[in-house]
Amino acid sequence: MKSRFHCCATCEHFRIEKQKEASKRIYCKRLGFDTKPTYQFDCWEPKERVKKSMKKEESRRV
């Protein structure tokens, strides 16, 4: 399911966790490793709101 929406920040497994002080950890909950919002992986599973946006965009193309 590749699309212009495909990136870690739109995946249901994407997490941002506050650390001590002002730092934060950005990671994939499913894979367990650090990531960045713009990274792309084949295991991508879009968040529900992203799925809706993708369907809406697809219906406009038809």
N, C-alpha and C. Protein backbone atom coordinates (compact mmCIF):
# COMPACT_ATOMS: atom_id res chain seq x y z
N MET A 1 0.84 -1.18 0.00
CA MET A 1 0.00 0.00 0.00
C MET A 1 0.88 1.25 0.00
N LYS A 2 1.54 1.53 -1.10
CA LYS A 2 2.39 2.71 -1.20
C LYS A 2 1.55 3.91 -1.63
N SER A 3 1.86 5.04 -1.05
CA SER A 3 1.18 6.27 -1.40
C SER A 3 2.01 7.44 -0.92
N ARG A 4 1.55 8.63 -1.21
CA ARG A 4 2.26 9.83 -0.75
C ARG A 4 2.16 9.96 0.77
N PHE A 5 1.25 9.22 1.39
CA PHE A 5 1.07 9.23 2.84
C PHE A 5 2.06 8.31 3.55
N HIS A 6 2.74 7.45 2.82
CA HIS A 6 3.58 6.41 3.39
C HIS A 6 4.83 6.98 4.05
N CYS A 7 4.83 7.01 5.36
CA CYS A 7 6.00 7.38 6.15
C CYS A 7 5.74 6.97 7.60
N CYS A 8 6.77 6.88 8.38
CA CYS A 8 6.62 6.42 9.77
C CYS A 8 5.64 7.26 10.58
N ALA A 9 5.62 8.55 10.38
CA ALA A 9 4.76 9.42 11.18
C ALA A 9 3.28 9.11 10.99
N THR A 10 2.91 8.47 9.89
CA THR A 10 1.51 8.14 9.64
C THR A 10 1.18 6.70 9.99
N CYS A 11 2.13 5.97 10.55
CA CYS A 11 1.93 4.56 10.89
C CYS A 11 1.38 4.42 12.30
N GLU A 12 0.54 3.41 12.50
CA GLU A 12 -0.05 3.20 13.83
C GLU A 12 0.98 2.77 14.88
N HIS A 13 2.17 2.35 14.47
CA HIS A 13 3.20 1.91 15.40
C HIS A 13 4.19 3.02 15.78
N PHE A 14 4.06 4.18 15.17
CA PHE A 14 4.95 5.32 15.41
C PHE A 14 4.66 5.91 16.79
N ARG A 15 5.70 6.10 17.58
CA ARG A 15 5.55 6.65 18.92
C ARG A 15 6.59 7.73 19.20
N ILE A 16 6.18 8.71 19.99
CA ILE A 16 7.10 9.72 20.51
C ILE A 16 6.97 9.64 22.02
N GLU A 17 8.08 9.42 22.67
CA GLU A 17 8.09 9.24 24.12
C GLU A 17 8.97 10.30 24.76
N LYS A 18 8.41 11.04 25.70
CA LYS A 18 9.20 12.04 26.41
C LYS A 18 10.22 11.35 27.29
N GLN A 19 11.42 11.86 27.28
CA GLN A 19 12.49 11.38 28.14
C GLN A 19 12.73 12.45 29.20
N LYS A 20 13.69 12.25 30.06
CA LYS A 20 13.98 13.26 31.07
C LYS A 20 14.49 14.54 30.40
N GLU A 21 14.26 15.63 31.08
CA GLU A 21 14.60 16.97 30.57
C GLU A 21 13.77 17.26 29.33
N ALA A 22 14.38 17.79 28.29
CA ALA A 22 13.64 18.19 27.10
C ALA A 22 13.80 17.20 25.94
N SER A 23 14.41 16.06 26.20
CA SER A 23 14.63 15.11 25.10
C SER A 23 13.42 14.21 24.88
N LYS A 24 13.40 13.57 23.73
CA LYS A 24 12.32 12.64 23.40
C LYS A 24 12.87 11.51 22.54
N ARG A 25 12.20 10.40 22.58
CA ARG A 25 12.58 9.24 21.77
C ARG A 25 11.49 9.04 20.73
N ILE A 26 11.90 8.95 19.47
CA ILE A 26 10.98 8.69 18.37
C ILE A 26 11.30 7.28 17.88
N TYR A 27 10.30 6.39 17.93
CA TYR A 27 10.59 5.00 17.63
C TYR A 27 9.36 4.26 17.08
N CYS A 28 9.61 3.06 16.58
CA CYS A 28 8.56 2.16 16.12
C CYS A 28 8.25 1.19 17.25
N LYS A 29 7.03 1.19 17.72
CA LYS A 29 6.65 0.31 18.82
C LYS A 29 6.71 -1.15 18.39
N ARG A 30 6.33 -1.46 17.16
CA ARG A 30 6.33 -2.83 16.69
C ARG A 30 7.73 -3.38 16.52
N LEU A 31 8.61 -2.62 15.88
CA LEU A 31 9.97 -3.09 15.63
C LEU A 31 10.92 -2.81 16.79
N GLY A 32 10.61 -1.78 17.58
CA GLY A 32 11.41 -1.48 18.75
C GLY A 32 12.64 -0.63 18.53
N PHE A 33 12.82 -0.10 17.33
CA PHE A 33 14.01 0.72 17.12
C PHE A 33 13.65 2.15 16.79
N ASP A 34 14.62 3.05 16.99
CA ASP A 34 14.42 4.46 16.72
C ASP A 34 14.21 4.68 15.23
N THR A 35 13.42 5.69 14.93
CA THR A 35 13.11 6.02 13.54
C THR A 35 12.97 7.53 13.42
N LYS A 36 12.63 7.98 12.27
CA LYS A 36 12.35 9.40 12.03
C LYS A 36 11.00 9.48 11.32
N PRO A 37 10.28 10.58 11.47
CA PRO A 37 8.95 10.70 10.87
C PRO A 37 8.91 10.46 9.36
N THR A 38 9.98 10.80 8.66
CA THR A 38 9.97 10.68 7.20
C THR A 38 10.45 9.33 6.67
N TYR A 39 10.95 8.47 7.52
CA TYR A 39 11.42 7.15 7.09
C TYR A 39 10.24 6.33 6.55
N GLN A 40 10.56 5.36 5.68
CA GLN A 40 9.56 4.46 5.12
C GLN A 40 10.02 3.02 5.25
N PHE A 41 9.10 2.14 5.66
CA PHE A 41 9.38 0.72 5.75
C PHE A 41 8.22 -0.05 5.14
N ASP A 42 8.47 -1.26 4.68
CA ASP A 42 7.43 -2.07 4.04
C ASP A 42 6.37 -2.56 5.03
N CYS A 43 6.68 -2.53 6.31
CA CYS A 43 5.74 -3.00 7.33
C CYS A 43 4.71 -1.93 7.70
N TRP A 44 4.71 -0.82 7.02
CA TRP A 44 3.85 0.32 7.31
C TRP A 44 2.38 -0.06 7.39
N GLU A 45 1.73 0.33 8.46
CA GLU A 45 0.29 0.15 8.65
C GLU A 45 -0.29 1.52 9.01
N PRO A 46 -0.99 2.17 8.08
CA PRO A 46 -1.45 3.54 8.32
C PRO A 46 -2.45 3.65 9.46
N LYS A 47 -2.40 4.80 10.12
CA LYS A 47 -3.36 5.11 11.17
C LYS A 47 -4.74 5.24 10.53
N GLU A 48 -5.78 5.10 11.32
CA GLU A 48 -7.15 5.13 10.80
C GLU A 48 -7.46 6.43 10.06
N ARG A 49 -7.03 7.55 10.60
CA ARG A 49 -7.31 8.84 9.94
C ARG A 49 -6.58 8.94 8.60
N VAL A 50 -5.43 8.30 8.49
CA VAL A 50 -4.68 8.30 7.24
C VAL A 50 -5.38 7.41 6.21
N LYS A 51 -5.91 6.28 6.65
CA LYS A 51 -6.67 5.41 5.75
C LYS A 51 -7.86 6.16 5.16
N LYS A 52 -8.54 6.93 5.99
CA LYS A 52 -9.68 7.71 5.51
C LYS A 52 -9.24 8.74 4.47
N SER A 53 -8.12 9.41 4.73
CA SER A 53 -7.61 10.39 3.78
C SER A 53 -7.21 9.74 2.46
N MET A 54 -6.63 8.55 2.55
CA MET A 54 -6.23 7.84 1.34
C MET A 54 -7.45 7.43 0.52
N LYS A 55 -8.50 6.95 1.18
CA LYS A 55 -9.73 6.57 0.48
C LYS A 55 -10.37 7.79 -0.17
N LYS A 56 -10.38 8.89 0.55
CA LYS A 56 -10.96 10.13 0.03
C LYS A 56 -10.21 10.59 -1.22
N GLU A 57 -8.88 10.54 -1.16
CA GLU A 57 -8.08 10.94 -2.29
C GLU A 57 -8.28 10.00 -3.49
N GLU A 58 -8.39 8.72 -3.21
CA GLU A 58 -8.60 7.72 -4.26
C GLU A 58 -9.94 7.94 -4.95
N SER A 59 -10.97 8.27 -4.19
CA SER A 59 -12.29 8.48 -4.77
C SER A 59 -12.32 9.73 -5.66
N ARG A 60 -11.48 10.68 -5.39
CA ARG A 60 -11.39 11.89 -6.23
C ARG A 60 -10.76 11.59 -7.59
N ARG A 61 -9.87 10.60 -7.61
CA ARG A 61 -9.18 10.24 -8.86
C ARG A 61 -10.10 9.53 -9.83
N VAL A 62 -11.10 8.85 -9.32
CA VAL A 62 -11.97 8.02 -10.17
C VAL A 62 -12.95 8.86 -10.91
